[in-house]
């Protein structure tokens, strides 16, 4: 019985607890570097989505802003033309898995396949040499995620400001949450894609319009994650 308990504890620590602690450390390190850039990084998850992503790109272009899009492989495969448009517009692309699998709640084989399929979907559209960023679904990682980051040469990107645009009632509500907390060095989590059919993508589009105007009024520079990191190192 004691041996089984020890084995269970070893698995718990090795598969979940240790990777979680490493995730926290890596996230803090990256956020510190982005703060040195004094830039704001707008990041978008779960797309691309034809209902919202092209409109967001138009707003970003008009504002002269760069952003980072963490794409689901299944969405990228459905809308490769939008993936190419994002890349051609000078924004950064990152992986987000294939079907938004939770690292803790998905069995290891299924989760590994999800990571591989997500990478392959983007690889068919744009060179993975230019896709070095990874954001885990729900922000959670396991030992498998950690191994993928190490051996896949991926950089973990988290956030420090989450206005929960996916369940907000209006864009103004989201923009207000962001305006109250956004400052130089913020990494803002938004969603151009929607996993819940009842969640309105127009909310995010309207929020982005307001956030960009707020950033302009405050003189905040909006860069992609790679741009901010490069600027911090310069």
Protein backbone atom coordinates (compact mmCIF):
# COMPACT_ATOMS: atom_id res chain seq x y z
CA UNK A 1 0.00 0.00 0.00
CA UNK A 2 2.80 2.39 0.94
CA UNK A 3 4.61 1.59 -2.32
CA UNK A 4 1.51 2.33 -4.37
CA UNK A 5 1.07 5.62 -2.53
CA UNK A 6 4.67 6.58 -3.25
CA UNK A 7 4.25 5.75 -6.93
CA UNK A 8 1.07 7.82 -7.07
CA UNK A 9 2.79 10.76 -5.39
CA UNK A 10 5.75 10.52 -7.77
CA UNK A 11 3.41 10.59 -10.77
CA UNK A 12 1.46 13.51 -9.30
CA UNK A 13 4.60 15.54 -8.70
CA UNK A 14 6.32 14.62 -11.96
CA UNK A 15 3.36 14.95 -14.30
CA UNK A 16 1.45 17.90 -12.85
CA UNK A 17 2.97 19.72 -9.86
CA UNK A 18 6.55 20.17 -11.10
CA UNK A 19 5.45 21.31 -14.59
CA UNK A 20 3.03 23.77 -12.97
CA UNK A 21 5.84 25.27 -10.89
CA UNK A 22 8.03 25.51 -14.00
CA UNK A 23 5.18 27.16 -15.91
CA UNK A 24 4.83 29.82 -13.23
CA UNK A 25 8.57 30.50 -13.29
CA UNK A 26 8.72 30.71 -17.09
CA UNK A 27 5.68 32.97 -17.22
CA UNK A 28 7.15 35.36 -14.65
CA UNK A 29 10.44 35.46 -16.51
CA UNK A 30 8.79 36.31 -19.81
CA UNK A 31 6.49 38.92 -18.28
CA UNK A 32 9.49 40.61 -16.68
CA UNK A 33 11.19 40.80 -20.08
CA UNK A 34 8.10 42.22 -21.76
CA UNK A 35 7.80 44.84 -19.02
CA UNK A 36 11.31 45.98 -19.88
CA UNK A 37 10.09 46.69 -23.41
CA UNK A 38 7.40 49.02 -22.00
CA UNK A 39 5.09 47.70 -24.74
CA UNK A 40 1.59 46.23 -24.54
CA UNK A 41 1.05 42.84 -26.19
CA UNK A 42 -2.46 42.07 -27.37
CA UNK A 43 -2.83 38.30 -27.81
CA UNK A 44 -5.73 36.39 -29.35
CA UNK A 45 -6.64 32.75 -28.72
CA UNK A 46 -8.85 30.08 -30.33
CA UNK A 47 -9.01 31.47 -33.88
CA UNK A 48 -8.86 32.15 -36.65
CA UNK A 49 -12.55 32.88 -37.06
CA UNK A 50 -14.00 34.46 -40.23
CA UNK A 51 -16.60 36.30 -38.15
CA UNK A 52 -14.06 38.29 -36.16
CA UNK A 53 -10.40 37.80 -37.12
CA UNK A 54 -10.43 39.78 -40.41
CA UNK A 55 -12.19 42.67 -38.69
CA UNK A 56 -9.67 42.63 -35.85
CA UNK A 57 -6.85 42.67 -38.41
CA UNK A 58 -8.38 45.76 -40.03
CA UNK A 59 -8.53 47.53 -36.67
CA UNK A 60 -4.93 46.60 -35.85
CA UNK A 61 -3.74 47.76 -39.25
CA UNK A 62 -5.52 51.10 -38.94
CA UNK A 63 -3.90 51.62 -35.53
CA UNK A 64 -0.44 50.56 -36.71
CA UNK A 65 -0.45 47.85 -34.03
CA UNK A 66 1.03 44.36 -34.06
CA UNK A 67 -0.46 41.43 -32.15
CA UNK A 68 0.02 37.72 -31.53
CA UNK A 69 -2.49 35.05 -32.55
CA UNK A 70 -2.46 31.65 -30.82
CA UNK A 71 -4.34 29.44 -33.25
CA UNK A 72 -6.19 26.20 -32.84
CA UNK A 73 -5.09 23.73 -35.49
CA UNK A 74 -8.65 22.79 -36.39
CA UNK A 75 -9.53 26.44 -37.01
CA UNK A 76 -6.37 27.06 -39.01
CA UNK A 77 -7.15 24.05 -41.20
CA UNK A 78 -10.65 25.40 -41.86
CA UNK A 79 -9.47 28.94 -42.64
CA UNK A 80 -5.93 28.80 -44.06
CA UNK A 81 -6.46 32.05 -45.99
CA UNK A 82 -6.90 33.93 -42.71
CA UNK A 83 -3.72 32.35 -41.31
CA UNK A 84 -1.83 33.60 -44.36
CA UNK A 85 -3.42 37.04 -44.00
CA UNK A 86 -2.30 37.27 -40.37
CA UNK A 87 1.26 36.33 -41.31
CA UNK A 88 1.29 38.69 -44.31
CA UNK A 89 0.08 41.53 -42.09
CA UNK A 90 3.17 41.17 -39.91
CA UNK A 91 1.57 39.67 -36.82
CA UNK A 92 3.04 36.79 -34.83
CA UNK A 93 1.52 33.30 -34.89
CA UNK A 94 1.61 30.82 -32.05
CA UNK A 95 0.32 27.30 -31.44
CA UNK A 96 -2.64 26.54 -29.18
CA UNK A 97 -3.06 22.83 -29.79
CA UNK A 98 -5.51 21.33 -32.25
CA UNK A 99 -8.81 21.07 -30.39
CA UNK A 100 -8.27 22.98 -27.12
CA UNK A 101 -7.47 19.95 -24.97
CA UNK A 102 -6.89 20.50 -21.25
CA UNK A 103 -3.45 19.17 -20.30
CA UNK A 104 -4.67 17.76 -16.98
CA UNK A 105 -8.03 16.38 -18.06
CA UNK A 106 -6.96 14.65 -21.28
CA UNK A 107 -5.23 11.28 -21.32
CA UNK A 108 -1.54 11.50 -22.29
CA UNK A 109 -1.87 9.80 -25.68
CA UNK A 110 -4.81 11.93 -26.76
CA UNK A 111 -3.08 15.07 -25.52
CA UNK A 112 0.17 14.24 -27.35
CA UNK A 113 -1.76 13.69 -30.56
CA UNK A 114 -3.51 17.03 -30.07
CA UNK A 115 -0.16 18.85 -29.79
CA UNK A 116 1.18 17.08 -32.87
CA UNK A 117 -1.96 17.75 -34.93
CA UNK A 118 -1.95 21.41 -33.95
CA UNK A 119 1.61 21.79 -35.11
CA UNK A 120 1.00 19.90 -38.34
CA UNK A 121 -2.05 22.00 -39.19
CA UNK A 122 -0.01 25.19 -39.03
CA UNK A 123 2.97 23.56 -40.71
CA UNK A 124 0.83 22.89 -43.79
CA UNK A 125 -0.03 26.59 -44.06
CA UNK A 126 2.98 28.50 -42.78
CA UNK A 127 6.52 27.39 -42.02
CA UNK A 128 7.00 26.23 -38.43
CA UNK A 129 10.35 28.00 -38.54
CA UNK A 130 8.29 31.12 -37.98
CA UNK A 131 6.01 29.57 -35.34
CA UNK A 132 7.98 29.32 -32.12
CA UNK A 133 5.37 30.43 -29.61
CA UNK A 134 3.03 28.16 -27.67
CA UNK A 135 0.13 28.88 -25.35
CA UNK A 136 -1.51 25.88 -23.68
CA UNK A 137 -5.28 25.55 -23.67
CA UNK A 138 -6.73 26.91 -20.41
CA UNK A 139 -3.19 27.98 -19.50
CA UNK A 140 -2.41 24.58 -17.98
CA UNK A 141 0.56 22.33 -18.73
CA UNK A 142 1.66 18.81 -17.87
CA UNK A 143 4.94 16.95 -18.22
CA UNK A 144 4.05 16.26 -21.85
CA UNK A 145 3.61 19.98 -22.52
CA UNK A 146 6.96 20.70 -20.92
CA UNK A 147 8.67 18.06 -23.03
CA UNK A 148 7.02 19.49 -26.14
CA UNK A 149 8.32 22.95 -25.31
CA UNK A 150 11.85 21.67 -24.75
CA UNK A 151 12.21 19.28 -27.68
CA UNK A 152 9.97 21.28 -30.03
CA UNK A 153 11.88 24.48 -29.42
CA UNK A 154 8.74 26.35 -28.39
CA UNK A 155 8.50 29.37 -26.09
CA UNK A 156 5.71 29.39 -23.51
CA UNK A 157 3.61 32.56 -23.57
CA UNK A 158 1.14 33.31 -20.79
CA UNK A 159 -0.61 36.57 -19.84
CA UNK A 160 -1.17 38.91 -16.92
CA UNK A 161 -4.47 40.52 -17.93
CA UNK A 162 -7.55 38.46 -18.71
CA UNK A 163 -10.73 40.52 -19.22
CA UNK A 164 -12.79 37.39 -19.99
CA UNK A 165 -14.12 38.65 -23.30
CA UNK A 166 -15.60 35.21 -24.04
CA UNK A 167 -18.33 35.63 -21.42
CA UNK A 168 -18.72 39.42 -21.32
CA UNK A 169 -22.00 41.09 -22.24
CA UNK A 170 -20.47 43.87 -24.32
CA UNK A 171 -17.25 45.17 -25.81
CA UNK A 172 -17.44 48.19 -23.52
CA UNK A 173 -17.39 45.89 -20.50
CA UNK A 174 -14.22 44.18 -21.75
CA UNK A 175 -12.53 47.43 -22.70
CA UNK A 176 -13.30 48.89 -19.29
CA UNK A 177 -11.65 45.93 -17.57
CA UNK A 178 -8.58 46.33 -19.77
CA UNK A 179 -8.39 50.12 -19.38
CA UNK A 180 -8.39 49.80 -15.60
CA UNK A 181 -5.37 47.46 -15.57
CA UNK A 182 -3.44 47.84 -18.83
CA UNK A 183 -0.08 49.52 -18.69
CA UNK A 184 3.42 49.25 -20.18
CA UNK A 185 4.40 45.58 -20.16
CA UNK A 186 0.88 44.13 -20.07
CA UNK A 187 0.09 40.94 -21.97
CA UNK A 188 -3.65 40.96 -22.66
CA UNK A 189 -5.58 37.75 -23.29
CA UNK A 190 -8.41 38.08 -25.81
CA UNK A 191 -10.23 35.58 -28.01
CA UNK A 192 -10.86 36.02 -31.73
CA UNK A 193 -12.28 32.48 -31.79
CA UNK A 194 -15.23 31.08 -29.87
CA UNK A 195 -15.64 27.51 -28.63
CA UNK A 196 -19.07 28.36 -27.22
CA UNK A 197 -21.62 29.03 -29.96
CA UNK A 198 -23.55 31.27 -27.57
CA UNK A 199 -20.56 33.58 -27.08
CA UNK A 200 -20.68 36.60 -29.39
CA UNK A 201 -17.42 37.34 -31.28
CA UNK A 202 -18.68 40.90 -31.92
CA UNK A 203 -17.95 41.58 -28.25
CA UNK A 204 -14.23 41.08 -28.81
CA UNK A 205 -14.19 43.07 -32.05
CA UNK A 206 -15.82 46.05 -30.35
CA UNK A 207 -13.54 45.67 -27.33
CA UNK A 208 -10.46 45.74 -29.56
CA UNK A 209 -11.64 48.96 -31.20
CA UNK A 210 -12.01 50.61 -27.77
CA UNK A 211 -8.75 49.17 -26.40
CA UNK A 212 -6.80 50.47 -29.39
CA UNK A 213 -8.27 53.94 -28.91
CA UNK A 214 -7.45 53.84 -25.20
CA UNK A 215 -3.87 52.79 -25.97
CA UNK A 216 -3.56 55.64 -28.50
CA UNK A 217 -4.74 58.19 -25.98
CA UNK A 218 -2.23 56.95 -23.42
CA UNK A 219 0.62 56.71 -25.91
CA UNK A 220 1.09 52.98 -25.38
CA UNK A 221 3.05 51.02 -27.97
CA UNK A 222 1.35 47.81 -29.18
CA UNK A 223 3.78 45.10 -30.26
CA UNK A 224 3.68 41.38 -30.90
CA UNK A 225 5.33 39.15 -28.31
CA UNK A 226 8.47 38.54 -30.45
CA UNK A 227 8.77 42.27 -31.13
CA UNK A 228 8.48 43.13 -27.44
CA UNK A 229 11.07 40.52 -26.48
CA UNK A 230 13.46 41.76 -29.17
CA UNK A 231 12.97 45.33 -28.03
CA UNK A 232 13.68 44.35 -24.42
CA UNK A 233 16.97 42.78 -25.52
CA UNK A 234 18.07 45.77 -27.60
